[in-house]
Amino acid sequence: ALAAIKRYVELGNALNATALDAIGTKYLCMLNATQLEAIHPPSLKLASLNPSACSQETKDLLYQKAREAFSDQHHLPAYYELILPYLGGAPAVDLKALSKDDVNMNITTFVALRRDSLMSLTPREVQGLLGVNLPELAQWQDRAPVREWIQVQQQSELEQLHLGLTGGVQEGYINIVTPKFPELSSAPLGTVATAFHLLPALLLSILMVSILS
């Protein structure tokens, strides 16, 4: 089937609604970037696709196609339902815009958003996205990705949601991401040995500078 799709695209054919329905979700996730680019955006208005199991790269490409397909309905109430299956590839800027539209996103959709996009949202924007479903956020506070999102928010802003969320950044503090160094077992022995050999000399240099100053 993939060979047939490849040949179809190589002949210059766009993937229209009929072709997409024939491909189905199973093969949709196997398409490469070139084949995905062959999707005719308006065809997404007629095709029934569910890219939730696809790679992030595929989700990102399909979201851009869907955004173009439904751009003429962007300001209509139905827009959210149309773009919903593709939100796993939405950038933060688009989610921030949706947070102002009373979309009442369900928690299942929220936790499946693109990780970097989700982490960019403020508590107020999350409140705008979830709407009536906001209380369900508390049930996820100890699970990824909500746990990680909480950890980079100001605790004072989390408290404004009145959900009892804890673990945010306290006032006067900042979150410092500690770089991950390779384990000694995985580093070249020569590098490790050199580092330990130079350590006394480095400490002595620091001590001398302190005394002289």
N, C-alpha and C. Protein backbone atom coordinates (compact mmCIF):
# COMPACT_ATOMS: atom_id res chain seq x y z
N ALA A 1 0.82 -1.20 0.00
CA ALA A 1 0.00 0.00 0.00
C ALA A 1 0.86 1.26 0.00
N LEU A 2 1.93 1.27 0.80
CA LEU A 2 2.80 2.43 0.85
C LEU A 2 3.48 2.66 -0.50
N ALA A 3 3.85 1.58 -1.16
CA ALA A 3 4.48 1.70 -2.47
C ALA A 3 3.50 2.32 -3.47
N ALA A 4 2.24 1.94 -3.36
CA ALA A 4 1.22 2.48 -4.26
C ALA A 4 1.01 3.97 -3.99
N ILE A 5 1.01 4.34 -2.72
CA ILE A 5 0.84 5.74 -2.36
C ILE A 5 2.02 6.56 -2.88
N LYS A 6 3.23 6.01 -2.69
CA LYS A 6 4.43 6.69 -3.17
C LYS A 6 4.37 6.92 -4.67
N ARG A 7 3.98 5.89 -5.39
CA ARG A 7 3.89 5.99 -6.84
C ARG A 7 2.83 7.00 -7.25
N TYR A 8 1.71 7.00 -6.54
CA TYR A 8 0.59 7.91 -6.81
C TYR A 8 1.07 9.36 -6.67
N VAL A 9 1.83 9.63 -5.61
CA VAL A 9 2.33 10.98 -5.36
C VAL A 9 3.40 11.36 -6.37
N GLU A 10 4.28 10.40 -6.71
CA GLU A 10 5.35 10.67 -7.66
C GLU A 10 4.81 11.05 -9.04
N LEU A 11 3.62 10.59 -9.35
CA LEU A 11 3.00 10.92 -10.64
C LEU A 11 2.37 12.31 -10.63
N GLY A 12 2.54 13.01 -9.49
CA GLY A 12 2.05 14.38 -9.41
C GLY A 12 0.63 14.51 -8.91
N ASN A 13 0.08 13.45 -8.35
CA ASN A 13 -1.29 13.49 -7.86
C ASN A 13 -1.34 14.00 -6.42
N ALA A 14 -2.31 14.85 -6.14
CA ALA A 14 -2.52 15.31 -4.77
C ALA A 14 -3.34 14.25 -4.03
N LEU A 15 -3.14 14.19 -2.73
CA LEU A 15 -3.94 13.25 -1.92
C LEU A 15 -5.25 13.96 -1.56
N ASN A 16 -6.30 13.62 -2.30
CA ASN A 16 -7.60 14.22 -2.05
C ASN A 16 -8.38 13.42 -1.01
N ALA A 17 -9.63 13.79 -0.78
CA ALA A 17 -10.43 13.13 0.26
C ALA A 17 -10.61 11.65 -0.03
N THR A 18 -10.83 11.31 -1.29
CA THR A 18 -11.02 9.90 -1.64
C THR A 18 -9.76 9.10 -1.34
N ALA A 19 -8.61 9.67 -1.71
CA ALA A 19 -7.34 8.98 -1.46
C ALA A 19 -7.08 8.86 0.04
N LEU A 20 -7.38 9.91 0.81
CA LEU A 20 -7.14 9.88 2.25
C LEU A 20 -8.02 8.85 2.94
N ASP A 21 -9.27 8.75 2.51
CA ASP A 21 -10.17 7.76 3.09
C ASP A 21 -9.69 6.35 2.76
N ALA A 22 -9.13 6.19 1.56
CA ALA A 22 -8.61 4.88 1.17
C ALA A 22 -7.37 4.53 1.98
N ILE A 23 -6.54 5.53 2.25
CA ILE A 23 -5.33 5.31 3.05
C ILE A 23 -5.70 4.95 4.49
N GLY A 24 -6.60 5.73 5.05
CA GLY A 24 -7.03 5.48 6.43
C GLY A 24 -5.96 5.83 7.45
N THR A 25 -6.35 5.82 8.71
CA THR A 25 -5.45 6.20 9.79
C THR A 25 -4.23 5.28 9.88
N LYS A 26 -4.41 4.01 9.59
CA LYS A 26 -3.33 3.04 9.72
C LYS A 26 -2.11 3.44 8.90
N TYR A 27 -2.35 3.82 7.64
CA TYR A 27 -1.24 4.17 6.76
C TYR A 27 -0.90 5.65 6.81
N LEU A 28 -1.83 6.46 7.30
CA LEU A 28 -1.58 7.90 7.40
C LEU A 28 -0.31 8.16 8.20
N CYS A 29 -0.14 7.45 9.30
CA CYS A 29 1.01 7.66 10.18
C CYS A 29 2.31 7.18 9.56
N MET A 30 2.23 6.43 8.48
CA MET A 30 3.43 5.91 7.83
C MET A 30 3.91 6.79 6.69
N LEU A 31 3.12 7.79 6.34
CA LEU A 31 3.50 8.66 5.24
C LEU A 31 4.68 9.53 5.63
N ASN A 32 5.60 9.76 4.69
CA ASN A 32 6.72 10.64 4.99
C ASN A 32 6.33 12.09 4.70
N ALA A 33 7.25 13.00 4.97
CA ALA A 33 6.95 14.43 4.83
C ALA A 33 6.54 14.79 3.41
N THR A 34 7.22 14.23 2.42
CA THR A 34 6.90 14.53 1.02
C THR A 34 5.48 14.09 0.68
N GLN A 35 5.10 12.91 1.14
CA GLN A 35 3.75 12.40 0.87
C GLN A 35 2.69 13.22 1.61
N LEU A 36 3.02 13.64 2.82
CA LEU A 36 2.07 14.46 3.59
C LEU A 36 1.87 15.82 2.93
N GLU A 37 2.93 16.35 2.34
CA GLU A 37 2.82 17.63 1.65
C GLU A 37 1.90 17.53 0.44
N ALA A 38 1.69 16.31 -0.05
CA ALA A 38 0.82 16.11 -1.22
C ALA A 38 -0.66 16.14 -0.85
N ILE A 39 -0.96 16.25 0.43
CA ILE A 39 -2.36 16.32 0.85
C ILE A 39 -2.96 17.65 0.41
N HIS A 40 -4.07 17.59 -0.26
CA HIS A 40 -4.78 18.79 -0.69
C HIS A 40 -5.58 19.30 0.51
N PRO A 41 -5.20 20.46 1.10
CA PRO A 41 -5.85 20.92 2.33
C PRO A 41 -7.38 20.86 2.35
N PRO A 42 -8.08 21.33 1.29
CA PRO A 42 -9.54 21.27 1.32
C PRO A 42 -10.10 19.85 1.49
N SER A 43 -9.29 18.84 1.14
CA SER A 43 -9.78 17.46 1.26
C SER A 43 -9.99 17.07 2.72
N LEU A 44 -9.33 17.78 3.64
CA LEU A 44 -9.51 17.47 5.07
C LEU A 44 -10.92 17.83 5.54
N LYS A 45 -11.62 18.64 4.77
CA LYS A 45 -13.00 18.96 5.12
C LYS A 45 -13.92 17.76 4.93
N LEU A 46 -13.51 16.84 4.06
CA LEU A 46 -14.35 15.69 3.74
C LEU A 46 -13.81 14.39 4.33
N ALA A 47 -12.51 14.33 4.55
CA ALA A 47 -11.91 13.10 5.07
C ALA A 47 -12.10 13.00 6.58
N SER A 48 -12.16 11.78 7.07
CA SER A 48 -12.28 11.54 8.52
C SER A 48 -10.98 10.91 8.99
N LEU A 49 -10.11 11.73 9.60
CA LEU A 49 -8.79 11.26 10.01
C LEU A 49 -8.59 11.41 11.52
N ASN A 50 -7.76 10.54 12.06
CA ASN A 50 -7.43 10.60 13.48
C ASN A 50 -5.92 10.39 13.63
N PRO A 51 -5.14 11.47 13.64
CA PRO A 51 -3.68 11.34 13.68
C PRO A 51 -3.09 11.21 15.08
N SER A 52 -3.91 10.90 16.08
CA SER A 52 -3.44 10.87 17.46
C SER A 52 -2.31 9.87 17.70
N ALA A 53 -2.24 8.81 16.90
CA ALA A 53 -1.20 7.80 17.10
C ALA A 53 0.04 8.06 16.24
N CYS A 54 0.03 9.15 15.49
CA CYS A 54 1.15 9.44 14.59
C CYS A 54 2.31 10.10 15.33
N SER A 55 3.44 10.20 14.65
CA SER A 55 4.61 10.87 15.22
C SER A 55 4.32 12.36 15.36
N GLN A 56 5.12 13.04 16.18
CA GLN A 56 4.92 14.47 16.37
C GLN A 56 5.13 15.23 15.07
N GLU A 57 6.09 14.81 14.28
CA GLU A 57 6.34 15.47 12.99
C GLU A 57 5.11 15.39 12.09
N THR A 58 4.49 14.21 12.06
CA THR A 58 3.28 14.04 11.25
C THR A 58 2.14 14.89 11.78
N LYS A 59 1.98 14.93 13.09
CA LYS A 59 0.93 15.76 13.70
C LYS A 59 1.14 17.23 13.35
N ASP A 60 2.39 17.68 13.40
CA ASP A 60 2.68 19.08 13.10
C ASP A 60 2.31 19.42 11.66
N LEU A 61 2.67 18.54 10.73
CA LEU A 61 2.38 18.79 9.31
C LEU A 61 0.87 18.76 9.05
N LEU A 62 0.19 17.80 9.65
CA LEU A 62 -1.26 17.69 9.44
C LEU A 62 -2.00 18.87 10.05
N TYR A 63 -1.50 19.36 11.18
CA TYR A 63 -2.15 20.53 11.79
C TYR A 63 -2.08 21.72 10.84
N GLN A 64 -0.91 21.94 10.24
CA GLN A 64 -0.77 23.06 9.32
C GLN A 64 -1.70 22.91 8.12
N LYS A 65 -1.86 21.68 7.64
CA LYS A 65 -2.80 21.42 6.54
C LYS A 65 -4.23 21.71 6.97
N ALA A 66 -4.57 21.24 8.17
CA ALA A 66 -5.93 21.44 8.67
C ALA A 66 -6.22 22.92 8.93
N ARG A 67 -5.24 23.61 9.46
CA ARG A 67 -5.40 25.04 9.72
C ARG A 67 -5.70 25.79 8.43
N GLU A 68 -5.01 25.41 7.36
CA GLU A 68 -5.26 26.02 6.06
C GLU A 68 -6.63 25.63 5.52
N ALA A 69 -7.00 24.36 5.73
CA ALA A 69 -8.27 23.86 5.22
C ALA A 69 -9.46 24.59 5.83
N PHE A 70 -9.37 24.88 7.13
CA PHE A 70 -10.50 25.46 7.85
C PHE A 70 -10.32 26.95 8.13
N SER A 71 -9.37 27.58 7.45
CA SER A 71 -9.08 28.99 7.72
C SER A 71 -10.28 29.90 7.46
N ASP A 72 -11.14 29.51 6.52
CA ASP A 72 -12.30 30.34 6.21
C ASP A 72 -13.37 30.26 7.28
N GLN A 73 -13.21 29.33 8.23
CA GLN A 73 -14.19 29.18 9.31
C GLN A 73 -13.58 29.50 10.68
N HIS A 74 -12.41 30.16 10.63
CA HIS A 74 -11.63 30.38 11.85
C HIS A 74 -12.41 31.13 12.92
N HIS A 75 -13.30 32.02 12.52
CA HIS A 75 -14.02 32.83 13.49
C HIS A 75 -15.43 32.31 13.78
N LEU A 76 -15.72 31.12 13.30
CA LEU A 76 -17.03 30.52 13.55
C LEU A 76 -16.96 29.55 14.74
N PRO A 77 -18.05 29.37 15.47
CA PRO A 77 -18.06 28.45 16.61
C PRO A 77 -17.67 27.02 16.23
N ALA A 78 -17.94 26.62 14.99
CA ALA A 78 -17.67 25.25 14.57
C ALA A 78 -16.18 24.98 14.34
N TYR A 79 -15.38 26.05 14.30
CA TYR A 79 -13.96 25.89 13.97
C TYR A 79 -13.26 24.94 14.93
N TYR A 80 -13.53 25.07 16.21
CA TYR A 80 -12.83 24.23 17.19
C TYR A 80 -13.09 22.74 16.96
N GLU A 81 -14.33 22.38 16.68
CA GLU A 81 -14.66 20.98 16.44
C GLU A 81 -13.99 20.46 15.17
N LEU A 82 -13.83 21.33 14.19
CA LEU A 82 -13.19 20.93 12.94
C LEU A 82 -11.69 20.71 13.11
N ILE A 83 -11.05 21.58 13.88
CA ILE A 83 -9.60 21.51 14.05
C ILE A 83 -9.20 20.55 15.17
N LEU A 84 -10.15 20.15 15.99
CA LEU A 84 -9.90 19.33 17.18
C LEU A 84 -9.03 18.09 16.93
N PRO A 85 -9.30 17.27 15.89
CA PRO A 85 -8.50 16.06 15.71
C PRO A 85 -7.02 16.33 15.44
N TYR A 86 -6.71 17.57 15.07
CA TYR A 86 -5.34 17.90 14.66
C TYR A 86 -4.59 18.74 15.68
N LEU A 87 -5.19 19.02 16.83
CA LEU A 87 -4.60 19.92 17.80
C LEU A 87 -3.31 19.39 18.43
N GLY A 88 -3.03 18.11 18.27
CA GLY A 88 -1.79 17.55 18.78
C GLY A 88 -0.56 18.13 18.11
N GLY A 89 -0.76 18.86 17.02
CA GLY A 89 0.36 19.49 16.32
C GLY A 89 0.30 21.01 16.36
N ALA A 90 -0.56 21.56 17.21
CA ALA A 90 -0.75 23.01 17.25
C ALA A 90 0.37 23.72 18.01
N PRO A 91 0.89 24.82 17.46
CA PRO A 91 1.90 25.60 18.18
C PRO A 91 1.24 26.40 19.31
N ALA A 92 2.06 26.88 20.23
CA ALA A 92 1.54 27.58 21.40
C ALA A 92 0.70 28.80 21.03
N VAL A 93 1.13 29.54 20.01
CA VAL A 93 0.43 30.78 19.66
C VAL A 93 -1.02 30.50 19.27
N ASP A 94 -1.28 29.37 18.62
CA ASP A 94 -2.64 29.04 18.22
C ASP A 94 -3.47 28.60 19.42
N LEU A 95 -2.84 27.89 20.36
CA LEU A 95 -3.56 27.47 21.56
C LEU A 95 -3.90 28.68 22.42
N LYS A 96 -3.01 29.65 22.48
CA LYS A 96 -3.28 30.86 23.24
C LYS A 96 -4.47 31.61 22.65
N ALA A 97 -4.57 31.60 21.33
CA ALA A 97 -5.71 32.24 20.66
C ALA A 97 -7.00 31.49 20.98
N LEU A 98 -6.95 30.15 20.97
CA LEU A 98 -8.13 29.35 21.27
C LEU A 98 -8.59 29.54 22.71
N SER A 99 -7.66 29.88 23.60
CA SER A 99 -8.02 30.04 25.01
C SER A 99 -8.98 31.21 25.23
N LYS A 100 -9.12 32.05 24.23
CA LYS A 100 -10.03 33.20 24.33
C LYS A 100 -11.39 32.93 23.69
N ASP A 101 -11.58 31.68 23.20
CA ASP A 101 -12.78 31.39 22.43
C ASP A 101 -13.79 30.47 23.12
N ASP A 102 -13.64 30.26 24.43
CA ASP A 102 -14.59 29.41 25.17
C ASP A 102 -14.78 28.05 24.51
N VAL A 103 -13.68 27.34 24.26
CA VAL A 103 -13.78 26.07 23.56
C VAL A 103 -14.08 24.88 24.49
N ASN A 104 -13.87 25.05 25.80
CA ASN A 104 -14.12 23.97 26.77
C ASN A 104 -13.43 22.66 26.36
N MET A 105 -12.12 22.76 26.16
CA MET A 105 -11.32 21.59 25.77
C MET A 105 -11.39 20.53 26.86
N ASN A 106 -11.53 19.25 26.47
CA ASN A 106 -11.55 18.21 27.49
C ASN A 106 -10.12 17.86 27.90
N ILE A 107 -9.96 17.29 29.06
CA ILE A 107 -8.63 17.05 29.63
C ILE A 107 -7.84 16.05 28.79
N THR A 108 -8.52 15.11 28.14
CA THR A 108 -7.82 14.13 27.30
C THR A 108 -7.12 14.81 26.14
N THR A 109 -7.78 15.79 25.54
CA THR A 109 -7.17 16.55 24.46
C THR A 109 -6.03 17.40 25.00
N PHE A 110 -6.24 18.00 26.15
CA PHE A 110 -5.23 18.89 26.75
C PHE A 110 -3.91 18.18 27.00
N VAL A 111 -3.96 17.01 27.63
CA VAL A 111 -2.72 16.31 27.98
C VAL A 111 -2.03 15.71 26.75
N ALA A 112 -2.72 15.68 25.61
CA ALA A 112 -2.13 15.15 24.38
C ALA A 112 -1.60 16.25 23.47
N LEU A 113 -1.65 17.50 23.95
CA LEU A 113 -1.13 18.61 23.16
C LEU A 113 0.38 18.48 23.00
N ARG A 114 0.91 19.16 22.02
CA ARG A 114 2.35 19.16 21.81
C ARG A 114 3.03 19.67 23.09
N ARG A 115 4.02 18.94 23.57
CA ARG A 115 4.60 19.23 24.88
C ARG A 115 5.12 20.67 25.01
N ASP A 116 5.88 21.13 24.03
CA ASP A 116 6.42 22.48 24.14
C ASP A 116 5.32 23.53 24.11
N SER A 117 4.25 23.26 23.39
CA SER A 117 3.12 24.19 23.33
C SER A 117 2.41 24.26 24.69
N LEU A 118 2.17 23.10 25.26
CA LEU A 118 1.50 23.03 26.57
C LEU A 118 2.31 23.76 27.63
N MET A 119 3.63 23.54 27.63
CA MET A 119 4.49 24.15 28.65
C MET A 119 4.56 25.67 28.52
N SER A 120 4.17 26.21 27.38
CA SER A 120 4.21 27.65 27.17
C SER A 120 2.95 28.36 27.66
N LEU A 121 1.94 27.60 28.04
CA LEU A 121 0.66 28.19 28.46
C LEU A 121 0.71 28.66 29.90
N THR A 122 0.10 29.80 30.17
CA THR A 122 -0.02 30.31 31.52
C THR A 122 -1.25 29.70 32.19
N PRO A 123 -1.34 29.75 33.52
CA PRO A 123 -2.54 29.24 34.19
C PRO A 123 -3.82 29.88 33.68
N ARG A 124 -3.77 31.17 33.40
CA ARG A 124 -4.98 31.84 32.89
C ARG A 124 -5.36 31.31 31.52
N GLU A 125 -4.38 31.02 30.68
CA GLU A 125 -4.66 30.49 29.34
C GLU A 125 -5.18 29.06 29.42
N VAL A 126 -4.65 28.28 30.35
CA VAL A 126 -5.16 26.92 30.55
C VAL A 126 -6.61 26.97 31.03
N GLN A 127 -6.90 27.91 31.89
CA GLN A 127 -8.28 28.09 32.35
C GLN A 127 -9.19 28.44 31.18
N GLY A 128 -8.71 29.28 30.28
CA GLY A 128 -9.50 29.66 29.11
C GLY A 128 -9.72 28.49 28.18
N LEU A 129 -8.72 27.62 28.03
CA LEU A 129 -8.86 26.46 27.16
C LEU A 129 -9.83 25.42 27.72
N LEU A 130 -9.65 25.09 29.00
CA LEU A 130 -10.44 24.01 29.60
C LEU A 130 -11.86 24.45 29.96
N GLY A 131 -12.04 25.71 30.31
CA GLY A 131 -13.38 26.20 30.63
C GLY A 131 -14.05 25.38 31.71
N VAL A 132 -15.20 24.81 31.41
CA VAL A 132 -15.97 24.04 32.39
C VAL A 132 -15.26 22.77 32.82
N ASN A 133 -14.25 22.37 32.05
CA ASN A 133 -13.51 21.15 32.37
C ASN A 133 -12.28 21.41 33.25
N LEU A 134 -12.10 22.66 33.67
CA LEU A 134 -10.92 23.02 34.46
C LEU A 134 -10.74 22.16 35.72
N PRO A 135 -11.80 21.84 36.48
CA PRO A 135 -11.62 21.03 37.70
C PRO A 135 -10.91 19.69 37.46
N GLU A 136 -11.01 19.15 36.24
CA GLU A 136 -10.37 17.87 35.95
C GLU A 136 -8.85 17.98 35.95
N LEU A 137 -8.33 19.20 35.87
CA LEU A 137 -6.89 19.40 35.88
C LEU A 137 -6.29 18.91 37.20
N ALA A 138 -7.04 19.07 38.29
CA ALA A 138 -6.54 18.65 39.61
C ALA A 138 -6.29 17.15 39.66
N GLN A 139 -7.06 16.38 38.92
CA GLN A 139 -6.89 14.92 38.91
C GLN A 139 -5.60 14.50 38.22
N TRP A 140 -5.01 15.43 37.47
CA TRP A 140 -3.78 15.13 36.72
C TRP A 140 -2.54 15.76 37.33
N GLN A 141 -2.67 16.43 38.47
CA GLN A 141 -1.55 17.22 38.96
C GLN A 141 -0.32 16.38 39.34
N ASP A 142 -0.50 15.11 39.57
CA ASP A 142 0.65 14.25 39.89
C ASP A 142 1.10 13.41 38.70
N ARG A 143 0.54 13.68 37.52
CA ARG A 143 0.88 12.90 36.33
C ARG A 143 1.41 13.81 35.23
N ALA A 144 2.28 13.24 34.40
CA ALA A 144 2.78 13.99 33.24
C ALA A 144 1.65 14.14 32.22
N PRO A 145 1.60 15.24 31.48
CA PRO A 145 2.53 16.37 31.50
C PRO A 145 2.11 17.49 32.45
N VAL A 146 0.98 17.33 33.12
CA VAL A 146 0.48 18.39 34.00
C VAL A 146 1.45 18.65 35.14
N ARG A 147 2.06 17.60 35.68
CA ARG A 147 3.01 17.77 36.78
C ARG A 147 4.16 18.69 36.36
N GLU A 148 4.71 18.45 35.17
CA GLU A 148 5.81 19.27 34.69
C GLU A 148 5.36 20.71 34.41
N TRP A 149 4.14 20.85 33.93
CA TRP A 149 3.61 22.19 33.67
C TRP A 149 3.47 22.96 34.99
N ILE A 150 2.97 22.32 36.00
CA ILE A 150 2.80 22.96 37.31
C ILE A 150 4.13 23.45 37.85
N GLN A 151 5.17 22.66 37.68
CA GLN A 151 6.48 22.97 38.26
C GLN A 151 7.13 24.23 37.71
N VAL A 152 6.67 24.71 36.55
CA VAL A 152 7.26 25.93 35.98
C VAL A 152 6.31 27.13 36.07
N GLN A 153 5.20 26.97 36.79
CA GLN A 153 4.26 28.06 36.98
C GLN A 153 4.47 28.72 38.34
N GLN A 154 4.13 30.00 38.43
CA GLN A 154 4.17 30.67 39.71
C GLN A 154 3.07 30.12 40.60
N GLN A 155 3.41 29.73 41.82
CA GLN A 155 2.42 29.14 42.72
C GLN A 155 1.25 30.11 42.97
N SER A 156 1.55 31.40 43.03
CA SER A 156 0.50 32.39 43.26
C SER A 156 -0.52 32.39 42.13
N GLU A 157 -0.06 32.15 40.90
CA GLU A 157 -0.98 32.11 39.76
C GLU A 157 -1.78 30.81 39.75
N LEU A 158 -1.16 29.72 40.18
CA LEU A 158 -1.87 28.45 40.27
C LEU A 158 -3.00 28.54 41.30
N GLU A 159 -2.74 29.24 42.39
CA GLU A 159 -3.74 29.36 43.45
C GLU A 159 -4.96 30.14 42.99
N GLN A 160 -4.79 30.98 41.98
CA GLN A 160 -5.93 31.74 41.45
C GLN A 160 -6.92 30.85 40.70
N LEU A 161 -6.49 29.61 40.39
CA LEU A 161 -7.40 28.67 39.73
C LEU A 161 -8.31 27.97 40.74
N HIS A 162 -7.95 28.07 42.04
CA HIS A 162 -8.76 27.49 43.14
C HIS A 162 -8.98 25.99 42.96
N LEU A 163 -7.91 25.29 42.57
CA LEU A 163 -7.98 23.84 42.39
C LEU A 163 -7.11 23.09 43.40
N GLY A 164 -6.41 23.82 44.24
CA GLY A 164 -5.52 23.18 45.21
C GLY A 164 -4.25 22.64 44.58
N LEU A 165 -3.84 23.20 43.44
CA LEU A 165 -2.62 22.74 42.78
C LEU A 165 -1.39 23.22 43.56
N THR A 166 -0.46 22.33 43.83
CA THR A 166 0.76 22.69 44.55
C THR A 166 1.98 22.21 43.77
N GLY A 167 3.13 22.80 44.10
CA GLY A 167 4.37 22.40 43.45
C GLY A 167 4.90 23.43 42.49
N GLY A 168 4.24 24.60 42.41
CA GLY A 168 4.70 25.66 41.53
C GLY A 168 5.86 26.43 42.14
N VAL A 169 6.34 27.41 41.42
CA VAL A 169 7.48 28.22 41.87
C VAL A 169 7.00 29.24 42.89
N GLN A 170 7.62 29.25 44.06
CA GLN A 170 7.25 30.19 45.10
C GLN A 170 7.77 31.59 44.76
N GLU A 171 7.10 32.60 45.27
CA GLU A 171 7.50 33.97 45.00
C GLU A 171 8.92 34.23 45.49
N GLY A 172 9.71 34.86 44.64
CA GLY A 172 11.09 35.15 45.01
C GLY A 172 12.06 34.09 44.56
N TYR A 173 11.54 33.01 43.98
CA TYR A 173 12.41 31.93 43.51
C TYR A 173 12.25 31.78 41.99
N ILE A 174 13.23 31.18 41.39
CA ILE A 174 13.16 30.85 39.97
C ILE A 174 13.52 29.39 39.80
N ASN A 175 12.97 28.79 38.79
CA ASN A 175 13.30 27.40 38.50
C ASN A 175 14.58 27.35 37.66
N ILE A 176 15.55 26.63 38.13
CA ILE A 176 16.80 26.47 37.39
C ILE A 176 16.86 25.05 36.87
N VAL A 177 16.98 24.93 35.57
CA VAL A 177 17.07 23.60 34.96
C VAL A 177 18.53 23.16 35.04
N THR A 178 18.78 22.10 35.79
CA THR A 178 20.13 21.60 35.95
C THR A 178 20.54 20.79 34.74
N PRO A 179 21.67 21.17 34.09
CA PRO A 179 22.09 20.39 32.91
C PRO A 179 22.45 18.97 33.30
N LYS A 180 22.11 18.05 32.43
CA LYS A 180 22.41 16.65 32.69
C LYS A 180 23.78 16.30 32.12
N PHE A 181 24.69 15.89 33.01
CA PHE A 181 26.01 15.50 32.56
C PHE A 181 26.03 14.01 32.31
N PRO A 182 26.87 13.55 31.39
CA PRO A 182 26.95 12.11 31.13
C PRO A 182 27.48 11.38 32.35
N GLU A 183 26.94 10.19 32.58
CA GLU A 183 27.42 9.40 33.70
C GLU A 183 28.88 9.03 33.48
N LEU A 184 29.60 8.87 34.61
CA LEU A 184 31.01 8.56 34.51
C LEU A 184 31.25 7.28 33.71
N SER A 185 30.31 6.33 33.84
CA SER A 185 30.48 5.05 33.18
C SER A 185 30.41 5.18 31.66
N SER A 186 29.73 6.25 31.20
CA SER A 186 29.57 6.42 29.76
C SER A 186 30.61 7.37 29.19
N ALA A 187 31.33 8.11 30.05
CA ALA A 187 32.34 9.04 29.56
C ALA A 187 33.64 8.29 29.30
N PRO A 188 34.42 8.77 28.32
CA PRO A 188 35.71 8.12 28.05
C PRO A 188 36.58 8.16 29.30
N LEU A 189 37.25 7.05 29.61
CA LEU A 189 38.06 6.97 30.82
C LEU A 189 39.15 8.02 30.82
N GLY A 190 39.72 8.32 29.65
CA GLY A 190 40.77 9.31 29.58
C GLY A 190 40.27 10.68 29.98
N THR A 191 39.03 11.02 29.57
CA THR A 191 38.43 12.30 29.91
C THR A 191 38.20 12.41 31.41
N VAL A 192 37.67 11.33 32.00
CA VAL A 192 37.41 11.33 33.44
C VAL A 192 38.70 11.45 34.22
N ALA A 193 39.71 10.70 33.80
CA ALA A 193 40.99 10.71 34.50
C ALA A 193 41.62 12.09 34.43
N THR A 194 41.53 12.74 33.27
CA THR A 194 42.10 14.07 33.10
C THR A 194 41.39 15.08 34.00
N ALA A 195 40.04 14.95 34.08
CA ALA A 195 39.26 15.86 34.90
C ALA A 195 39.68 15.76 36.36
N PHE A 196 39.83 14.55 36.88
CA PHE A 196 40.24 14.37 38.27
C PHE A 196 41.68 14.82 38.49
N HIS A 197 42.53 14.66 37.47
CA HIS A 197 43.93 15.04 37.58
C HIS A 197 44.06 16.56 37.68
N LEU A 198 43.22 17.27 36.95
CA LEU A 198 43.30 18.72 36.91
C LEU A 198 42.57 19.39 38.07
N LEU A 199 41.71 18.68 38.76
CA LEU A 199 40.89 19.27 39.82
C LEU A 199 41.72 19.91 40.92
N PRO A 200 42.76 19.24 41.48
CA PRO A 200 43.55 19.89 42.54
C PRO A 200 44.20 21.19 42.06
N ALA A 201 44.70 21.19 40.84
CA ALA A 201 45.35 22.39 40.30
C ALA A 201 44.36 23.53 40.17
N LEU A 202 43.15 23.20 39.74
CA LEU A 202 42.11 24.20 39.59
C LEU A 202 41.74 24.81 40.94
N LEU A 203 41.57 23.96 41.95
CA LEU A 203 41.22 24.44 43.29
C LEU A 203 42.34 25.31 43.86
N LEU A 204 43.60 24.92 43.61
CA LEU A 204 44.73 25.69 44.10
C LEU A 204 44.76 27.07 43.45
N SER A 205 44.45 27.13 42.16
CA SER A 205 44.44 28.41 41.45
C SER A 205 43.38 29.35 42.02
N ILE A 206 42.20 28.79 42.32
CA ILE A 206 41.11 29.59 42.89
C ILE A 206 41.52 30.11 44.26
N LEU A 207 42.17 29.25 45.05
CA LEU A 207 42.60 29.63 46.39
C LEU A 207 43.64 30.75 46.33
N MET A 208 44.58 30.66 45.40
CA MET A 208 45.62 31.68 45.28
C MET A 208 45.02 33.02 44.87
N VAL A 209 44.08 33.00 43.94
CA VAL A 209 43.44 34.22 43.50
C VAL A 209 42.72 34.89 44.67
N SER A 210 42.07 34.07 45.51
CA SER A 210 41.33 34.59 46.66
C SER A 210 42.29 35.25 47.65
N ILE A 211 43.47 34.61 47.87
CA ILE A 211 44.44 35.15 48.84
C ILE A 211 45.04 36.45 48.33
N LEU A 212 45.41 36.47 47.05
CA LEU A 212 46.05 37.64 46.47
C LEU A 212 45.11 38.83 46.37
N SER A 213 43.82 38.53 46.24
CA SER A 213 42.86 39.64 46.11
C SER A 213 42.45 40.15 47.47
